[in-house]
Amino acid sequence: MKKRVEVSFCETFSYLCTVKVHLIKKQTIEDYIRKNARSKASFEIWFSIIKRADWTEPNDVIATFNSADILGKSSERIVFNIGGNN
């Protein structure tokens, strides 16, 4: 099950901005973890990384999560592959 997050990008003066992660629906993730206990560790690692991340551009996200995909050229959304997409 893929989880989507909304990411805010700064197009002008991006060197002054940070990339912020906003979970669209955290409850969906929590429900999934309750039903699929094996996924809990993967999501906990992912949550801890995004909480501490200091990204300044979308490519920083990809550098941290090389399996993440930016949706479209001008999209503000990224799909993360969590736990090997199991």
N, C-alpha and C. Protein backbone atom coordinates (compact mmCIF):
# COMPACT_ATOMS: atom_id res chain seq x y z
N MET A 1 0.85 -1.18 0.00
CA MET A 1 0.00 0.00 0.00
C MET A 1 0.89 1.24 0.00
N LYS A 2 0.74 2.07 -0.99
CA LYS A 2 1.54 3.29 -1.07
C LYS A 2 0.88 4.39 -0.27
N LYS A 3 1.68 5.16 0.43
CA LYS A 3 1.19 6.30 1.20
C LYS A 3 1.69 7.56 0.50
N ARG A 4 0.81 8.51 0.33
CA ARG A 4 1.19 9.76 -0.31
C ARG A 4 1.41 10.83 0.74
N VAL A 5 2.38 11.68 0.47
CA VAL A 5 2.58 12.84 1.31
C VAL A 5 2.62 14.06 0.42
N GLU A 6 2.19 15.15 0.95
CA GLU A 6 2.24 16.40 0.23
C GLU A 6 3.50 17.13 0.66
N VAL A 7 4.26 17.60 -0.30
CA VAL A 7 5.52 18.28 -0.01
C VAL A 7 5.45 19.69 -0.56
N SER A 8 5.81 20.66 0.26
CA SER A 8 5.82 22.05 -0.18
C SER A 8 7.18 22.40 -0.77
N PHE A 9 7.20 22.88 -1.97
CA PHE A 9 8.44 23.27 -2.61
C PHE A 9 8.48 24.78 -2.77
N CYS A 10 9.64 25.34 -2.68
CA CYS A 10 9.81 26.76 -2.94
C CYS A 10 10.47 26.89 -4.30
N GLU A 11 9.79 27.49 -5.24
CA GLU A 11 10.33 27.58 -6.59
C GLU A 11 11.28 28.76 -6.75
N THR A 12 10.98 29.86 -6.09
CA THR A 12 11.85 31.03 -6.17
C THR A 12 12.64 31.11 -4.87
N PHE A 13 13.90 31.41 -4.97
CA PHE A 13 14.77 31.50 -3.80
C PHE A 13 14.76 30.20 -3.01
N SER A 14 14.85 29.08 -3.71
CA SER A 14 14.76 27.79 -3.04
C SER A 14 15.88 27.59 -2.03
N TYR A 15 16.97 28.31 -2.19
CA TYR A 15 18.06 28.16 -1.22
C TYR A 15 17.68 28.73 0.14
N LEU A 16 16.62 29.51 0.21
CA LEU A 16 16.16 30.06 1.49
C LEU A 16 15.05 29.22 2.12
N CYS A 17 14.56 28.25 1.39
CA CYS A 17 13.39 27.52 1.82
C CYS A 17 13.76 26.10 2.25
N THR A 18 12.84 25.48 2.94
CA THR A 18 12.99 24.08 3.27
C THR A 18 11.83 23.32 2.68
N VAL A 19 12.05 22.06 2.43
CA VAL A 19 10.99 21.19 1.94
C VAL A 19 10.31 20.61 3.16
N LYS A 20 9.01 20.79 3.25
CA LYS A 20 8.25 20.31 4.40
C LYS A 20 7.37 19.13 3.98
N VAL A 21 7.27 18.16 4.84
CA VAL A 21 6.43 17.01 4.57
C VAL A 21 5.14 17.15 5.36
N HIS A 22 4.05 17.02 4.66
CA HIS A 22 2.73 17.08 5.29
C HIS A 22 2.00 15.79 4.95
N LEU A 23 1.73 14.99 5.94
CA LEU A 23 0.99 13.76 5.68
C LEU A 23 -0.45 14.11 5.36
N ILE A 24 -0.93 13.59 4.26
CA ILE A 24 -2.29 13.89 3.86
C ILE A 24 -3.29 13.23 4.81
N LYS A 25 -3.03 12.00 5.18
CA LYS A 25 -3.96 11.31 6.08
C LYS A 25 -3.19 10.32 6.94
N LYS A 26 -2.68 10.79 8.07
CA LYS A 26 -1.90 9.94 8.98
C LYS A 26 -2.74 8.80 9.53
N GLN A 27 -4.02 9.01 9.72
CA GLN A 27 -4.88 7.96 10.26
C GLN A 27 -4.88 6.72 9.37
N THR A 28 -4.81 6.90 8.07
CA THR A 28 -4.76 5.77 7.15
C THR A 28 -3.52 4.92 7.42
N ILE A 29 -2.39 5.59 7.65
CA ILE A 29 -1.15 4.87 7.95
C ILE A 29 -1.29 4.13 9.28
N GLU A 30 -1.82 4.79 10.28
CA GLU A 30 -1.98 4.15 11.59
C GLU A 30 -2.92 2.94 11.51
N ASP A 31 -3.99 3.06 10.74
CA ASP A 31 -4.90 1.93 10.55
C ASP A 31 -4.20 0.77 9.85
N TYR A 32 -3.40 1.10 8.85
CA TYR A 32 -2.66 0.07 8.12
C TYR A 32 -1.69 -0.66 9.04
N ILE A 33 -0.98 0.08 9.88
CA ILE A 33 -0.03 -0.52 10.81
C ILE A 33 -0.75 -1.46 11.78
N ARG A 34 -1.91 -1.07 12.26
CA ARG A 34 -2.67 -1.94 13.17
C ARG A 34 -3.05 -3.27 12.50
N LYS A 35 -3.37 -3.21 11.22
CA LYS A 35 -3.76 -4.42 10.49
C LYS A 35 -2.57 -5.22 9.98
N ASN A 36 -1.41 -4.56 9.86
CA ASN A 36 -0.21 -5.17 9.30
C ASN A 36 0.97 -4.89 10.22
N ALA A 37 1.02 -5.58 11.32
CA ALA A 37 2.00 -5.30 12.38
C ALA A 37 3.45 -5.37 11.88
N ARG A 38 3.73 -6.18 10.87
CA ARG A 38 5.10 -6.28 10.36
C ARG A 38 5.59 -4.97 9.75
N SER A 39 4.68 -4.10 9.37
CA SER A 39 5.07 -2.83 8.74
C SER A 39 5.44 -1.76 9.76
N LYS A 40 5.15 -2.00 11.03
CA LYS A 40 5.34 -0.97 12.06
C LYS A 40 6.76 -0.44 12.10
N ALA A 41 7.75 -1.30 12.11
CA ALA A 41 9.15 -0.85 12.19
C ALA A 41 9.53 0.03 11.00
N SER A 42 9.11 -0.35 9.81
CA SER A 42 9.43 0.44 8.61
C SER A 42 8.82 1.83 8.69
N PHE A 43 7.56 1.91 9.13
CA PHE A 43 6.92 3.22 9.25
C PHE A 43 7.54 4.04 10.37
N GLU A 44 7.94 3.43 11.46
CA GLU A 44 8.59 4.16 12.55
C GLU A 44 9.91 4.77 12.08
N ILE A 45 10.67 4.01 11.33
CA ILE A 45 11.94 4.53 10.78
C ILE A 45 11.65 5.70 9.84
N TRP A 46 10.68 5.53 8.96
CA TRP A 46 10.32 6.58 8.00
C TRP A 46 9.87 7.84 8.73
N PHE A 47 8.99 7.69 9.73
CA PHE A 47 8.53 8.85 10.50
C PHE A 47 9.70 9.56 11.18
N SER A 48 10.61 8.80 11.78
CA SER A 48 11.73 9.44 12.48
C SER A 48 12.64 10.20 11.52
N ILE A 49 12.81 9.69 10.31
CA ILE A 49 13.64 10.39 9.32
C ILE A 49 12.96 11.67 8.85
N ILE A 50 11.67 11.60 8.51
CA ILE A 50 11.03 12.81 7.98
C ILE A 50 10.87 13.88 9.05
N LYS A 51 10.78 13.48 10.31
CA LYS A 51 10.69 14.47 11.39
C LYS A 51 11.97 15.27 11.53
N ARG A 52 13.12 14.63 11.29
CA ARG A 52 14.43 15.29 11.46
C ARG A 52 14.99 15.85 10.17
N ALA A 53 14.38 15.55 9.06
CA ALA A 53 14.93 15.94 7.76
C ALA A 53 15.07 17.45 7.63
N ASP A 54 16.12 17.86 6.98
CA ASP A 54 16.39 19.27 6.71
C ASP A 54 16.63 19.42 5.22
N TRP A 55 15.58 19.19 4.45
CA TRP A 55 15.68 19.23 3.00
C TRP A 55 15.49 20.65 2.50
N THR A 56 16.23 21.04 1.48
CA THR A 56 16.08 22.37 0.89
C THR A 56 15.54 22.31 -0.54
N GLU A 57 15.52 21.12 -1.13
CA GLU A 57 15.00 20.97 -2.48
C GLU A 57 14.54 19.53 -2.67
N PRO A 58 13.71 19.28 -3.66
CA PRO A 58 13.17 17.93 -3.87
C PRO A 58 14.25 16.86 -4.04
N ASN A 59 15.36 17.20 -4.66
CA ASN A 59 16.42 16.21 -4.84
C ASN A 59 17.03 15.77 -3.52
N ASP A 60 16.92 16.59 -2.48
CA ASP A 60 17.37 16.18 -1.15
C ASP A 60 16.51 15.03 -0.62
N VAL A 61 15.22 15.08 -0.93
CA VAL A 61 14.33 14.00 -0.52
C VAL A 61 14.75 12.71 -1.21
N ILE A 62 15.03 12.81 -2.51
CA ILE A 62 15.45 11.64 -3.28
C ILE A 62 16.80 11.12 -2.78
N ALA A 63 17.68 12.01 -2.36
CA ALA A 63 18.97 11.58 -1.81
C ALA A 63 18.79 10.79 -0.52
N THR A 64 17.78 11.16 0.27
CA THR A 64 17.50 10.46 1.51
C THR A 64 16.75 9.16 1.24
N PHE A 65 15.76 9.21 0.38
CA PHE A 65 14.94 8.05 0.03
C PHE A 65 15.06 7.83 -1.47
N ASN A 66 16.07 7.06 -1.88
CA ASN A 66 16.33 6.93 -3.32
C ASN A 66 15.21 6.22 -4.08
N SER A 67 14.30 5.56 -3.38
CA SER A 67 13.18 4.92 -4.09
C SER A 67 11.94 5.82 -4.14
N ALA A 68 12.03 7.02 -3.59
CA ALA A 68 10.90 7.96 -3.63
C ALA A 68 10.74 8.50 -5.05
N ASP A 69 9.52 8.78 -5.42
CA ASP A 69 9.22 9.30 -6.76
C ASP A 69 8.49 10.63 -6.65
N ILE A 70 9.03 11.65 -7.33
CA ILE A 70 8.33 12.93 -7.45
C ILE A 70 7.32 12.76 -8.57
N LEU A 71 6.08 13.09 -8.29
CA LEU A 71 5.02 12.91 -9.28
C LEU A 71 4.97 14.09 -10.23
N GLY A 72 5.38 13.90 -11.45
CA GLY A 72 5.34 14.96 -12.46
C GLY A 72 6.41 16.00 -12.28
N LYS A 73 6.67 16.77 -13.33
CA LYS A 73 7.74 17.77 -13.29
C LYS A 73 7.48 18.90 -12.31
N SER A 74 6.26 19.38 -12.24
CA SER A 74 5.98 20.52 -11.37
C SER A 74 5.12 20.12 -10.18
N SER A 75 5.07 18.83 -9.89
CA SER A 75 4.23 18.35 -8.81
C SER A 75 4.81 18.70 -7.45
N GLU A 76 3.94 18.82 -6.49
CA GLU A 76 4.36 19.03 -5.12
C GLU A 76 4.08 17.78 -4.29
N ARG A 77 4.08 16.64 -4.94
CA ARG A 77 3.79 15.38 -4.25
C ARG A 77 4.88 14.36 -4.53
N ILE A 78 5.12 13.54 -3.52
CA ILE A 78 6.12 12.48 -3.62
C ILE A 78 5.49 11.20 -3.11
N VAL A 79 5.79 10.10 -3.79
CA VAL A 79 5.37 8.78 -3.32
C VAL A 79 6.59 8.11 -2.71
N PHE A 80 6.45 7.66 -1.47
CA PHE A 80 7.54 6.98 -0.78
C PHE A 80 7.30 5.47 -0.84
N ASN A 81 8.35 4.73 -1.05
CA ASN A 81 8.33 3.27 -1.02
C ASN A 81 8.80 2.88 0.38
N ILE A 82 7.87 2.49 1.22
CA ILE A 82 8.19 2.22 2.62
C ILE A 82 8.26 0.72 2.86
N GLY A 83 9.36 0.27 3.44
CA GLY A 83 9.51 -1.15 3.76
C GLY A 83 9.60 -2.04 2.53
N GLY A 84 10.26 -1.54 1.49
CA GLY A 84 10.38 -2.34 0.28
C GLY A 84 9.06 -2.52 -0.44
N ASN A 85 8.10 -1.68 -0.11
CA ASN A 85 6.76 -1.70 -0.70
C ASN A 85 6.06 -3.05 -0.45
N ASN A 86 6.38 -3.67 0.67
CA ASN A 86 5.75 -4.95 1.02
C ASN A 86 4.38 -4.71 1.60
